[in-house]
Amino acid sequence: MPGGNLQTIWAALFARRVFGAVPQYRRERWRTPDGDFIDVDFLAGKPVGPRAPLLVMFHGLEGSSRSHYAEAFADFAAERGAAFVIPHFRGCGGELNAGPRAYHSGDYEEIGWILSRLRERHEGPIVAAGVSLGGNALMRWAGEAGSDASRFASAVASVCSPLDLAAGSVAIGRGFNRLVYTTMFLRTMKPKAMDKLAQHPGLFDGKRLMAARNLYEFDDIFTAPLHGFRNADDYYARASAKPHLHRIRIPALALNARNDPFVPAASLPEAGEAGSHVTLWQPATGGHVGFPDGRMPGHVRTMPDRVGAWLLQHAA
């Protein structure tokens, strides 16, 4: 299937997600240390043993446990006899969170809190994968935690993550990407932001936000100031995982297709930047969280199979 855009769109909308039954989840609501909440979906179905590996999936921008990649990873976990969980970032579980904040690409403190809670209740090994935004946040956590990360996760992986957020912002704000992907994201992000303003009057300038034409402007008005950054440029510089990859001290995998329309190939980390603990997979094709495979309409299980197998081989 030619082209990064077609591989991206077809995988999300048309390709088969699972080989087994559609995943069913058991939801828990967790109270956060700052008095807010997140919704956490555990894969239901056939019970797994207490020492089975747990695969944690951190979703992408405006994603959820029903995203195509999430269901594909859940299907992989069920097939391999692993436990599986998707913690939703703030406001992504179908109900607006209560606090005067949302979620962002560098939220490594939230990642760390979630993994520590899972570590307290799960006896077996834990591995974690993050897709796009979630992968950058996960790798940012691994870099920040350093050798301490091994207490909470045996290995981590990022999938199609914009590890250089500034480069990703430029890419998604141009041409076809702006017309299609930016429009798609802002269609849900703007109403959620305005609902947040109704919860917390004066939190930001609603007129400016509704006039935002791209994700950079949205981040400059909403994401950055709500999460302690001066502006979008400060947010991208401080939240990007790429400068921190060399600090990672557990096995880590960074998968990026070189034709990803969201993530320019020129911005991808090189081996010398990543450090000895980070494995780089940079295939020529795949799009953004696409990687469709098989006969039409195809399926999206190949990527979770390979990333999941890499993670599980490090589960100990």
C-alpha atoms as a PDB file:
ATOM      1  CA  MET A   1       0.000   0.000   0.000  1.00  0.00           C
ATOM      2  CA  PRO A   2       1.866   3.110  -1.221  1.00  0.00           C
ATOM      3  CA  GLY A   3       2.383   6.356   0.676  1.00  0.00           C
ATOM      4  CA  GLY A   4       2.558   7.350   4.313  1.00  0.00           C
ATOM      5  CA  ASN A   5      -0.806   9.102   4.302  1.00  0.00           C
ATOM      6  CA  LEU A   6      -2.652   6.147   2.794  1.00  0.00           C
ATOM      7  CA  GLN A   7      -0.956   3.742   5.208  1.00  0.00           C
ATOM      8  CA  THR A   8      -1.957   5.990   8.107  1.00  0.00           C
ATOM      9  CA  ILE A   9      -5.587   6.536   7.133  1.00  0.00           C
ATOM     10  CA  TRP A  10      -6.330   3.031   5.863  1.00  0.00           C
ATOM     11  CA  ALA A  11      -4.964   1.407   9.017  1.00  0.00           C
ATOM     12  CA  ALA A  12      -7.063   3.621  11.274  1.00  0.00           C
ATOM     13  CA  LEU A  13     -10.330   3.370   9.350  1.00  0.00           C
ATOM     14  CA  PHE A  14     -10.502   0.185   7.312  1.00  0.00           C
ATOM     15  CA  ALA A  15      -7.929  -2.457   8.230  1.00  0.00           C
ATOM     16  CA  ARG A  16      -8.777  -5.372  10.503  1.00  0.00           C
ATOM     17  CA  ARG A  17      -7.687  -4.708  14.069  1.00  0.00           C
ATOM     18  CA  VAL A  18      -7.924  -8.106  15.754  1.00  0.00           C
ATOM     19  CA  PHE A  19      -7.652 -11.781  14.908  1.00  0.00           C
ATOM     20  CA  GLY A  20      -9.795 -12.828  17.874  1.00  0.00           C
ATOM     21  CA  ALA A  21     -12.839 -11.309  19.561  1.00  0.00           C
ATOM     22  CA  VAL A  22     -13.183  -7.551  19.916  1.00  0.00           C
ATOM     23  CA  PRO A  23     -11.488  -6.687  23.232  1.00  0.00           C
ATOM     24  CA  GLN A  24     -13.702  -6.117  26.239  1.00  0.00           C
ATOM     25  CA  TYR A  25     -12.476  -4.035  29.140  1.00  0.00           C
ATOM     26  CA  ARG A  26     -13.058  -3.692  32.856  1.00  0.00           C
ATOM     27  CA  ARG A  27     -12.822  -0.048  33.883  1.00  0.00           C
ATOM     28  CA  GLU A  28     -11.448   1.377  37.091  1.00  0.00           C
ATOM     29  CA  ARG A  29     -11.445   5.023  38.094  1.00  0.00           C
ATOM     30  CA  TRP A  30      -8.303   6.107  39.892  1.00  0.00           C
ATOM     31  CA  ARG A  31      -8.062   9.233  41.996  1.00  0.00           C
ATOM     32  CA  THR A  32      -4.917  11.187  41.258  1.00  0.00           C
ATOM     33  CA  PRO A  33      -2.648  12.782  43.877  1.00  0.00           C
ATOM     34  CA  ASP A  34      -3.903  16.242  42.847  1.00  0.00           C
ATOM     35  CA  GLY A  35      -7.573  15.354  43.457  1.00  0.00           C
ATOM     36  CA  ASP A  36      -8.493  14.597  39.847  1.00  0.00           C
ATOM     37  CA  PHE A  37      -9.170  11.213  38.220  1.00  0.00           C
ATOM     38  CA  ILE A  38      -8.221   9.000  35.301  1.00  0.00           C
ATOM     39  CA  ASP A  39     -10.040   6.004  33.832  1.00  0.00           C
ATOM     40  CA  VAL A  40      -8.039   2.800  33.502  1.00  0.00           C
ATOM     41  CA  ASP A  41      -9.213  -0.052  31.247  1.00  0.00           C
ATOM     42  CA  PHE A  42      -8.048  -3.601  31.998  1.00  0.00           C
ATOM     43  CA  LEU A  43      -8.504  -6.291  29.368  1.00  0.00           C
ATOM     44  CA  ALA A  44     -11.280  -8.641  30.475  1.00  0.00           C
ATOM     45  CA  GLY A  45     -11.793 -12.236  29.421  1.00  0.00           C
ATOM     46  CA  LYS A  46      -9.654 -15.269  30.098  1.00  0.00           C
ATOM     47  CA  PRO A  47      -7.907 -14.840  33.478  1.00  0.00           C
ATOM     48  CA  VAL A  48      -4.115 -14.743  33.519  1.00  0.00           C
ATOM     49  CA  GLY A  49      -1.886 -15.898  36.340  1.00  0.00           C
ATOM     50  CA  PRO A  50      -0.519 -13.470  38.940  1.00  0.00           C
ATOM     51  CA  ARG A  51       2.990 -13.828  37.522  1.00  0.00           C
ATOM     52  CA  ALA A  52       1.960 -13.255  33.903  1.00  0.00           C
ATOM     53  CA  PRO A  53       3.567 -10.237  32.244  1.00  0.00           C
ATOM     54  CA  LEU A  54       1.545  -7.028  32.171  1.00  0.00           C
ATOM     55  CA  LEU A  55       1.613  -4.929  29.007  1.00  0.00           C
ATOM     56  CA  VAL A  56       0.749  -1.278  29.658  1.00  0.00           C
ATOM     57  CA  MET A  57      -0.330   0.824  26.674  1.00  0.00           C
ATOM     58  CA  PHE A  58      -0.200   4.632  26.737  1.00  0.00           C
ATOM     59  CA  HIS A  59      -2.375   6.017  23.939  1.00  0.00           C
ATOM     60  CA  GLY A  60      -1.789   8.876  21.537  1.00  0.00           C
ATOM     61  CA  LEU A  61      -3.364  12.305  21.071  1.00  0.00           C
ATOM     62  CA  GLU A  62      -7.136  12.006  21.589  1.00  0.00           C
ATOM     63  CA  GLY A  63      -6.778   8.215  21.689  1.00  0.00           C
ATOM     64  CA  SER A  64      -8.453   5.647  23.927  1.00  0.00           C
ATOM     65  CA  SER A  65      -8.786   1.933  24.556  1.00  0.00           C
ATOM     66  CA  ARG A  66     -10.880   1.800  21.362  1.00  0.00           C
ATOM     67  CA  SER A  67      -8.189   3.222  19.085  1.00  0.00           C
ATOM     68  CA  HIS A  68      -7.188   0.819  16.317  1.00  0.00           C
ATOM     69  CA  TYR A  69      -3.695   0.294  17.718  1.00  0.00           C
ATOM     70  CA  ALA A  70      -5.021  -0.220  21.256  1.00  0.00           C
ATOM     71  CA  GLU A  71      -7.361  -2.999  20.199  1.00  0.00           C
ATOM     72  CA  ALA A  72      -4.581  -4.586  18.142  1.00  0.00           C
ATOM     73  CA  PHE A  73      -2.200  -4.580  21.120  1.00  0.00           C
ATOM     74  CA  ALA A  74      -4.968  -5.958  23.357  1.00  0.00           C
ATOM     75  CA  ASP A  75      -5.520  -8.776  20.863  1.00  0.00           C
ATOM     76  CA  PHE A  76      -1.795  -9.531  20.882  1.00  0.00           C
ATOM     77  CA  ALA A  77      -1.723  -9.636  24.696  1.00  0.00           C
ATOM     78  CA  ALA A  78      -4.711 -11.983  24.855  1.00  0.00           C
ATOM     79  CA  GLU A  79      -3.081 -14.281  22.315  1.00  0.00           C
ATOM     80  CA  ARG A  80       0.156 -14.370  24.314  1.00  0.00           C
ATOM     81  CA  GLY A  81      -1.487 -14.872  27.721  1.00  0.00           C
ATOM     82  CA  ALA A  82      -0.383 -11.485  29.036  1.00  0.00           C
ATOM     83  CA  ALA A  83      -2.385  -9.043  31.121  1.00  0.00           C
ATOM     84  CA  PHE A  84      -3.147  -5.748  29.383  1.00  0.00           C
ATOM     85  CA  VAL A  85      -4.144  -2.305  30.577  1.00  0.00           C
ATOM     86  CA  ILE A  86      -4.724   1.106  29.010  1.00  0.00           C
ATOM     87  CA  PRO A  87      -4.627   4.064  31.403  1.00  0.00           C
ATOM     88  CA  HIS A  88      -6.407   7.003  29.789  1.00  0.00           C
ATOM     89  CA  PHE A  89      -4.802  10.389  29.998  1.00  0.00           C
ATOM     90  CA  ARG A  90      -6.859  13.133  31.656  1.00  0.00           C
ATOM     91  CA  GLY A  91     -10.156  13.667  29.877  1.00  0.00           C
ATOM     92  CA  CYS A  92      -9.682  10.829  27.365  1.00  0.00           C
ATOM     93  CA  GLY A  93     -11.858   8.181  29.017  1.00  0.00           C
ATOM     94  CA  GLY A  94     -15.128   9.615  27.739  1.00  0.00           C
ATOM     95  CA  GLU A  95     -15.704  12.039  30.616  1.00  0.00           C
ATOM     96  CA  LEU A  96     -14.027  15.383  31.170  1.00  0.00           C
ATOM     97  CA  ASN A  97     -11.603  15.337  34.072  1.00  0.00           C
ATOM     98  CA  ALA A  98     -12.233  17.676  36.988  1.00  0.00           C
ATOM     99  CA  GLY A  99      -8.961  19.547  37.441  1.00  0.00           C
ATOM    100  CA  PRO A 100      -7.696  22.719  35.710  1.00  0.00           C
ATOM    101  CA  ARG A 101      -5.432  20.736  33.403  1.00  0.00           C
ATOM    102  CA  ALA A 102      -5.529  18.158  30.600  1.00  0.00           C
ATOM    103  CA  TYR A 103      -2.660  16.006  29.293  1.00  0.00           C
ATOM    104  CA  HIS A 104       0.481  16.608  27.282  1.00  0.00           C
ATOM    105  CA  SER A 105       3.372  14.944  25.489  1.00  0.00           C
ATOM    106  CA  GLY A 106       5.872  15.335  28.305  1.00  0.00           C
ATOM    107  CA  ASP A 107       3.728  14.246  31.237  1.00  0.00           C
ATOM    108  CA  TYR A 108       6.340  11.886  32.669  1.00  0.00           C
ATOM    109  CA  GLU A 109       5.169  12.438  36.246  1.00  0.00           C
ATOM    110  CA  GLU A 110       1.741  11.025  35.357  1.00  0.00           C
ATOM    111  CA  ILE A 111       3.422   8.067  33.636  1.00  0.00           C
ATOM    112  CA  GLY A 112       5.539   7.418  36.712  1.00  0.00           C
ATOM    113  CA  TRP A 113       2.556   7.571  39.069  1.00  0.00           C
ATOM    114  CA  ILE A 114       0.567   5.151  36.909  1.00  0.00           C
ATOM    115  CA  LEU A 115       3.422   2.658  36.642  1.00  0.00           C
ATOM    116  CA  SER A 116       4.079   2.823  40.381  1.00  0.00           C
ATOM    117  CA  ARG A 117       0.426   2.009  41.117  1.00  0.00           C
ATOM    118  CA  LEU A 118       0.498  -0.891  38.705  1.00  0.00           C
ATOM    119  CA  ARG A 119       3.748  -2.131  40.238  1.00  0.00           C
ATOM    120  CA  GLU A 120       2.115  -2.187  43.684  1.00  0.00           C
ATOM    121  CA  ARG A 121      -0.681  -4.494  42.532  1.00  0.00           C
ATOM    122  CA  HIS A 122       0.954  -6.699  39.885  1.00  0.00           C
ATOM    123  CA  GLU A 123       3.377  -9.464  40.873  1.00  0.00           C
ATOM    124  CA  GLY A 124       4.683 -10.273  37.404  1.00  0.00           C
ATOM    125  CA  PRO A 125       6.938  -8.296  35.090  1.00  0.00           C
ATOM    126  CA  ILE A 126       5.655  -5.052  33.591  1.00  0.00           C
ATOM    127  CA  VAL A 127       6.468  -3.750  30.125  1.00  0.00           C
ATOM    128  CA  ALA A 128       5.064  -0.589  28.572  1.00  0.00           C
ATOM    129  CA  ALA A 129       4.429   0.741  25.087  1.00  0.00           C
ATOM    130  CA  GLY A 130       3.379   4.239  24.130  1.00  0.00           C
ATOM    131  CA  VAL A 131       1.917   5.347  20.832  1.00  0.00           C
ATOM    132  CA  SER A 132       2.686   8.781  19.369  1.00  0.00           C
ATOM    133  CA  LEU A 133       2.135  11.307  22.199  1.00  0.00           C
ATOM    134  CA  GLY A 134       2.036   8.499  24.766  1.00  0.00           C
ATOM    135  CA  GLY A 135       5.323   7.111  23.509  1.00  0.00           C
ATOM    136  CA  ASN A 136       7.112  10.437  23.845  1.00  0.00           C
ATOM    137  CA  ALA A 137       5.817  10.786  27.403  1.00  0.00           C
ATOM    138  CA  LEU A 138       6.886   7.213  28.199  1.00  0.00           C
ATOM    139  CA  MET A 139      10.398   7.690  26.835  1.00  0.00           C
ATOM    140  CA  ARG A 140      10.605  11.028  28.626  1.00  0.00           C
ATOM    141  CA  TRP A 141       9.757   9.166  31.861  1.00  0.00           C
ATOM    142  CA  ALA A 142      12.363   6.474  31.189  1.00  0.00           C
ATOM    143  CA  GLY A 143      15.022   9.109  30.619  1.00  0.00           C
ATOM    144  CA  GLU A 144      14.034  11.029  33.723  1.00  0.00           C
ATOM    145  CA  ALA A 145      13.917   7.899  35.892  1.00  0.00           C
ATOM    146  CA  GLY A 146      17.255   6.532  34.703  1.00  0.00           C
ATOM    147  CA  SER A 147      18.306   3.370  36.533  1.00  0.00           C
ATOM    148  CA  ASP A 148      15.329   3.711  38.892  1.00  0.00           C
ATOM    149  CA  ALA A 149      12.975   2.883  35.996  1.00  0.00           C
ATOM    150  CA  SER A 150      13.772  -0.829  36.380  1.00  0.00           C
ATOM    151  CA  ARG A 151      11.786  -0.863  39.632  1.00  0.00           C
ATOM    152  CA  PHE A 152       8.607  -0.241  37.648  1.00  0.00           C
ATOM    153  CA  ALA A 153       9.141  -1.565  34.112  1.00  0.00           C
ATOM    154  CA  SER A 154      11.408  -4.151  32.527  1.00  0.00           C
ATOM    155  CA  ALA A 155      11.320  -2.508  29.092  1.00  0.00           C
ATOM    156  CA  VAL A 156       9.580   0.301  27.207  1.00  0.00           C
ATOM    157  CA  ALA A 157       8.754   1.051  23.579  1.00  0.00           C
ATOM    158  CA  SER A 158       7.575   4.095  21.659  1.00  0.00           C
ATOM    159  CA  VAL A 159       5.622   3.710  18.423  1.00  0.00           C
ATOM    160  CA  CYS A 160       5.620   6.526  15.853  1.00  0.00           C
ATOM    161  CA  SER A 161       6.312   9.085  18.550  1.00  0.00           C
ATOM    162  CA  PRO A 162       7.343  12.655  17.710  1.00  0.00           C
ATOM    163  CA  LEU A 163      10.431  12.559  19.926  1.00  0.00           C
ATOM    164  CA  ASP A 164      11.267  16.030  18.581  1.00  0.00           C
ATOM    165  CA  LEU A 165       7.989  17.831  19.254  1.00  0.00           C
ATOM    166  CA  ALA A 166       8.903  21.040  17.442  1.00  0.00           C
ATOM    167  CA  ALA A 167       9.642  19.156  14.216  1.00  0.00           C
ATOM    168  CA  GLY A 168       6.401  17.225  14.558  1.00  0.00           C
ATOM    169  CA  SER A 169       4.427  20.415  15.099  1.00  0.00           C
ATOM    170  CA  VAL A 170       5.814  21.930  11.910  1.00  0.00           C
ATOM    171  CA  ALA A 171       5.077  18.774   9.908  1.00  0.00           C
ATOM    172  CA  ILE A 172       1.462  18.418  11.000  1.00  0.00           C
ATOM    173  CA  GLY A 173       0.817  22.112  10.408  1.00  0.00           C
ATOM    174  CA  ARG A 174       1.575  22.061   6.674  1.00  0.00           C
ATOM    175  CA  GLY A 175      -0.344  21.244   3.506  1.00  0.00           C
ATOM    176  CA  PHE A 176      -2.344  18.015   3.446  1.00  0.00           C
ATOM    177  CA  ASN A 177      -1.491  17.306   7.079  1.00  0.00           C
ATOM    178  CA  ARG A 178      -3.013  20.589   8.183  1.00  0.00           C
ATOM    179  CA  LEU A 179      -6.120  20.114   6.059  1.00  0.00           C
ATOM    180  CA  VAL A 180      -6.781  16.562   7.249  1.00  0.00           C
ATOM    181  CA  TYR A 181      -5.040  15.649  10.509  1.00  0.00           C
ATOM    182  CA  THR A 182      -4.961  19.050  12.203  1.00  0.00           C
ATOM    183  CA  THR A 183      -8.631  19.574  11.373  1.00  0.00           C
ATOM    184  CA  MET A 184      -9.467  16.131  12.769  1.00  0.00           C
ATOM    185  CA  PHE A 185      -7.661  16.735  16.057  1.00  0.00           C
ATOM    186  CA  LEU A 186      -8.965  20.268  16.607  1.00  0.00           C
ATOM    187  CA  ARG A 187     -12.519  19.071  15.955  1.00  0.00           C
ATOM    188  CA  THR A 188     -12.443  17.235  19.317  1.00  0.00           C
ATOM    189  CA  MET A 189      -9.772  19.195  21.174  1.00  0.00           C
ATOM    190  CA  LYS A 190     -11.410  22.614  20.915  1.00  0.00           C
ATOM    191  CA  PRO A 191     -14.794  21.550  22.384  1.00  0.00           C
ATOM    192  CA  LYS A 192     -13.044  19.715  25.225  1.00  0.00           C
ATOM    193  CA  ALA A 193     -10.947  22.787  25.943  1.00  0.00           C
ATOM    194  CA  MET A 194     -14.033  25.002  26.000  1.00  0.00           C
ATOM    195  CA  ASP A 195     -15.718  22.570  28.396  1.00  0.00           C
ATOM    196  CA  LYS A 196     -12.636  22.895  30.577  1.00  0.00           C
ATOM    197  CA  LEU A 197     -12.998  26.691  30.449  1.00  0.00           C
ATOM    198  CA  ALA A 198     -16.622  26.335  31.578  1.00  0.00           C
ATOM    199  CA  GLN A 199     -15.388  24.257  34.520  1.00  0.00           C
ATOM    200  CA  HIS A 200     -12.678  26.774  35.381  1.00  0.00           C
ATOM    201  CA  PRO A 201     -13.617  30.281  34.156  1.00  0.00           C
ATOM    202  CA  GLY A 202     -10.654  32.457  33.279  1.00  0.00           C
ATOM    203  CA  LEU A 203      -8.295  29.523  32.741  1.00  0.00           C
ATOM    204  CA  PHE A 204      -7.387  30.748  29.231  1.00  0.00           C
ATOM    205  CA  ASP A 205      -8.686  33.014  26.461  1.00  0.00           C
ATOM    206  CA  GLY A 206     -11.561  31.131  24.841  1.00  0.00           C
ATOM    207  CA  LYS A 207     -11.820  33.435  21.827  1.00  0.00           C
ATOM    208  CA  ARG A 208      -8.155  32.982  21.011  1.00  0.00           C
ATOM    209  CA  LEU A 209      -8.468  29.233  21.373  1.00  0.00           C
ATOM    210  CA  MET A 210     -11.452  28.959  19.052  1.00  0.00           C
ATOM    211  CA  ALA A 211      -9.473  30.958  16.485  1.00  0.00           C
ATOM    212  CA  ALA A 212      -6.468  28.594  16.668  1.00  0.00           C
ATOM    213  CA  ARG A 213      -5.653  27.338  13.176  1.00  0.00           C
ATOM    214  CA  ASN A 214      -3.171  24.609  14.042  1.00  0.00           C
ATOM    215  CA  LEU A 215      -1.815  22.546  16.925  1.00  0.00           C
ATOM    216  CA  TYR A 216       1.013  25.001  17.574  1.00  0.00           C
ATOM    217  CA  GLU A 217      -1.473  27.787  18.279  1.00  0.00           C
ATOM    218  CA  PHE A 218      -3.639  25.435  20.352  1.00  0.00           C
ATOM    219  CA  ASP A 219      -0.625  24.371  22.409  1.00  0.00           C
ATOM    220  CA  ASP A 220       0.480  27.987  22.832  1.00  0.00           C
ATOM    221  CA  ILE A 221      -2.924  29.027  24.194  1.00  0.00           C
ATOM    222  CA  PHE A 222      -3.992  25.893  26.072  1.00  0.00           C
ATOM    223  CA  THR A 223      -1.568  22.992  26.508  1.00  0.00           C
ATOM    224  CA  ALA A 224       1.553  24.934  27.447  1.00  0.00           C
ATOM    225  CA  PRO A 225       0.215  27.408  30.043  1.00  0.00           C
ATOM    226  CA  LEU A 226      -2.053  24.851  31.727  1.00  0.00           C
ATOM    227  CA  HIS A 227       0.894  22.551  32.363  1.00  0.00           C
ATOM    228  CA  GLY A 228       3.588  24.924  33.543  1.00  0.00           C
ATOM    229  CA  PHE A 229       5.265  25.908  30.274  1.00  0.00           C
ATOM    230  CA  ARG A 230       5.821  29.502  29.134  1.00  0.00           C
ATOM    231  CA  ASN A 231       4.575  28.918  25.598  1.00  0.00           C
ATOM    232  CA  ALA A 232       4.468  26.279  22.867  1.00  0.00           C
ATOM    233  CA  ASP A 233       8.176  26.595  22.094  1.00  0.00           C
ATOM    234  CA  ASP A 234       9.098  26.096  25.747  1.00  0.00           C
ATOM    235  CA  TYR A 235       6.722  23.123  25.921  1.00  0.00           C
ATOM    236  CA  TYR A 236       8.212  21.438  22.861  1.00  0.00           C
ATOM    237  CA  ALA A 237      11.783  22.022  24.032  1.00  0.00           C
ATOM    238  CA  ARG A 238      11.267  20.722  27.576  1.00  0.00           C
ATOM    239  CA  ALA A 239       8.834  17.895  26.816  1.00  0.00           C
ATOM    240  CA  SER A 240      10.618  16.285  23.851  1.00  0.00           C
ATOM    241  CA  ALA A 241      12.130  12.903  24.692  1.00  0.00           C
ATOM    242  CA  LYS A 242      14.860  12.960  22.042  1.00  0.00           C
ATOM    243  CA  PRO A 243      17.412  14.935  24.122  1.00  0.00           C
ATOM    244  CA  HIS A 244      16.892  12.515  27.036  1.00  0.00           C
ATOM    245  CA  LEU A 245      17.160   9.163  25.243  1.00  0.00           C
ATOM    246  CA  HIS A 246      20.810   8.773  26.242  1.00  0.00           C
ATOM    247  CA  ARG A 247      19.736   8.831  29.913  1.00  0.00           C
ATOM    248  CA  ILE A 248      17.563   5.706  29.569  1.00  0.00           C
ATOM    249  CA  ARG A 249      18.908   2.727  31.521  1.00  0.00           C
ATOM    250  CA  ILE A 250      16.365  -0.005  30.736  1.00  0.00           C
ATOM    251  CA  PRO A 251      15.806  -1.747  27.386  1.00  0.00           C
ATOM    252  CA  ALA A 252      13.920   0.691  25.149  1.00  0.00           C
ATOM    253  CA  LEU A 253      12.682   0.503  21.576  1.00  0.00           C
ATOM    254  CA  ALA A 254      11.848   3.491  19.374  1.00  0.00           C
ATOM    255  CA  LEU A 255       9.894   2.537  16.237  1.00  0.00           C
ATOM    256  CA  ASN A 256       9.376   5.231  13.598  1.00  0.00           C
ATOM    257  CA  ALA A 257       8.435   4.771   9.956  1.00  0.00           C
ATOM    258  CA  ARG A 258      10.490   7.063   7.766  1.00  0.00           C
ATOM    259  CA  ASN A 259       7.406   8.006   5.735  1.00  0.00           C
ATOM    260  CA  ASP A 260       5.376   9.043   8.790  1.00  0.00           C
ATOM    261  CA  PRO A 261       3.519  12.232   7.781  1.00  0.00           C
ATOM    262  CA  PHE A 262       3.578  13.466  11.400  1.00  0.00           C
ATOM    263  CA  VAL A 263       7.256  12.789  12.151  1.00  0.00           C
ATOM    264  CA  PRO A 264       9.879  13.979   9.623  1.00  0.00           C
ATOM    265  CA  ALA A 265      12.593  11.407   8.953  1.00  0.00           C
ATOM    266  CA  ALA A 266      15.230  14.118   9.399  1.00  0.00           C
ATOM    267  CA  SER A 267      14.091  14.603  13.008  1.00  0.00           C
ATOM    268  CA  LEU A 268      14.491  10.954  14.016  1.00  0.00           C
ATOM    269  CA  PRO A 269      17.214  10.081  16.526  1.00  0.00           C
ATOM    270  CA  GLU A 270      20.426   8.499  15.316  1.00  0.00           C
ATOM    271  CA  ALA A 271      22.231   5.729  17.152  1.00  0.00           C
ATOM    272  CA  GLY A 272      24.788   8.107  18.596  1.00  0.00           C
ATOM    273  CA  GLU A 273      22.046  10.256  20.126  1.00  0.00           C
ATOM    274  CA  ALA A 274      19.972   7.409  21.526  1.00  0.00           C
ATOM    275  CA  GLY A 275      22.467   5.717  23.818  1.00  0.00           C
ATOM    276  CA  SER A 276      23.306   2.058  24.329  1.00  0.00           C
ATOM    277  CA  HIS A 277      19.996   1.037  25.938  1.00  0.00           C
ATOM    278  CA  VAL A 278      17.798   2.272  23.079  1.00  0.00           C
ATOM    279  CA  THR A 279      17.100   0.180  19.980  1.00  0.00           C
ATOM    280  CA  LEU A 280      16.036   2.139  16.890  1.00  0.00           C
ATOM    281  CA  TRP A 281      13.698   0.607  14.319  1.00  0.00           C
ATOM    282  CA  GLN A 282      13.210   2.975  11.377  1.00  0.00           C
ATOM    283  CA  PRO A 283      11.591   1.113   8.463  1.00  0.00           C
ATOM    284  CA  ALA A 284      11.027   2.944   5.186  1.00  0.00           C
ATOM    285  CA  THR A 285       7.241   2.554   5.298  1.00  0.00           C
ATOM    286  CA  GLY A 286       4.368   2.293   7.761  1.00  0.00           C
ATOM    287  CA  GLY A 287       2.932   5.790   8.011  1.00  0.00           C
ATOM    288  CA  HIS A 288       1.794   7.120  11.365  1.00  0.00           C
ATOM    289  CA  VAL A 289       0.754   4.142  13.514  1.00  0.00           C
ATOM    290  CA  GLY A 290      -0.283   2.403  10.319  1.00  0.00           C
ATOM    291  CA  PHE A 291       1.783  -0.577   9.193  1.00  0.00           C
ATOM    292  CA  PRO A 292      -1.110  -2.294   7.370  1.00  0.00           C
ATOM    293  CA  ASP A 293      -0.309  -5.817   6.264  1.00  0.00           C
ATOM    294  CA  GLY A 294      -1.911  -8.722   4.413  1.00  0.00           C
ATOM    295  CA  ARG A 295      -4.473  -8.870   1.628  1.00  0.00           C
ATOM    296  CA  MET A 296      -7.064  -6.132   1.322  1.00  0.00           C
ATOM    297  CA  PRO A 297      -8.525  -4.791   3.495  1.00  0.00           C
ATOM    298  CA  GLY A 298      -5.476  -5.882   5.468  1.00  0.00           C
ATOM    299  CA  HIS A 299      -4.834  -5.890   9.189  1.00  0.00           C
ATOM    300  CA  VAL A 300      -2.764  -3.953  11.735  1.00  0.00           C
ATOM    301  CA  ARG A 301      -1.574  -6.811  13.921  1.00  0.00           C
ATOM    302  CA  THR A 302       1.959  -7.046  12.493  1.00  0.00           C
ATOM    303  CA  MET A 303       3.279  -3.981  14.325  1.00  0.00           C
ATOM    304  CA  PRO A 304       1.887  -4.979  17.758  1.00  0.00           C
ATOM    305  CA  ASP A 305       3.175  -8.513  17.192  1.00  0.00           C
ATOM    306  CA  ARG A 306       6.719  -7.301  16.611  1.00  0.00           C
ATOM    307  CA  VAL A 307       6.801  -4.557  19.224  1.00  0.00           C
ATOM    308  CA  GLY A 308       4.993  -6.734  21.762  1.00  0.00           C
ATOM    309  CA  ALA A 309       7.340  -9.662  21.156  1.00  0.00           C
ATOM    310  CA  TRP A 310      10.341  -7.362  21.621  1.00  0.00           C
ATOM    311  CA  LEU A 311       8.933  -6.144  24.929  1.00  0.00           C
ATOM    312  CA  LEU A 312       8.030  -9.592  26.216  1.00  0.00           C
ATOM    313  CA  GLN A 313      11.494 -10.949  25.506  1.00  0.00           C
ATOM    314  CA  HIS A 314      12.728  -8.426  28.073  1.00  0.00           C
ATOM    315  CA  ALA A 315       9.995  -9.206  30.618  1.00  0.00           C
ATOM    316  CA  ALA A 316      11.710 -10.460  33.733  1.00  0.00           C
END
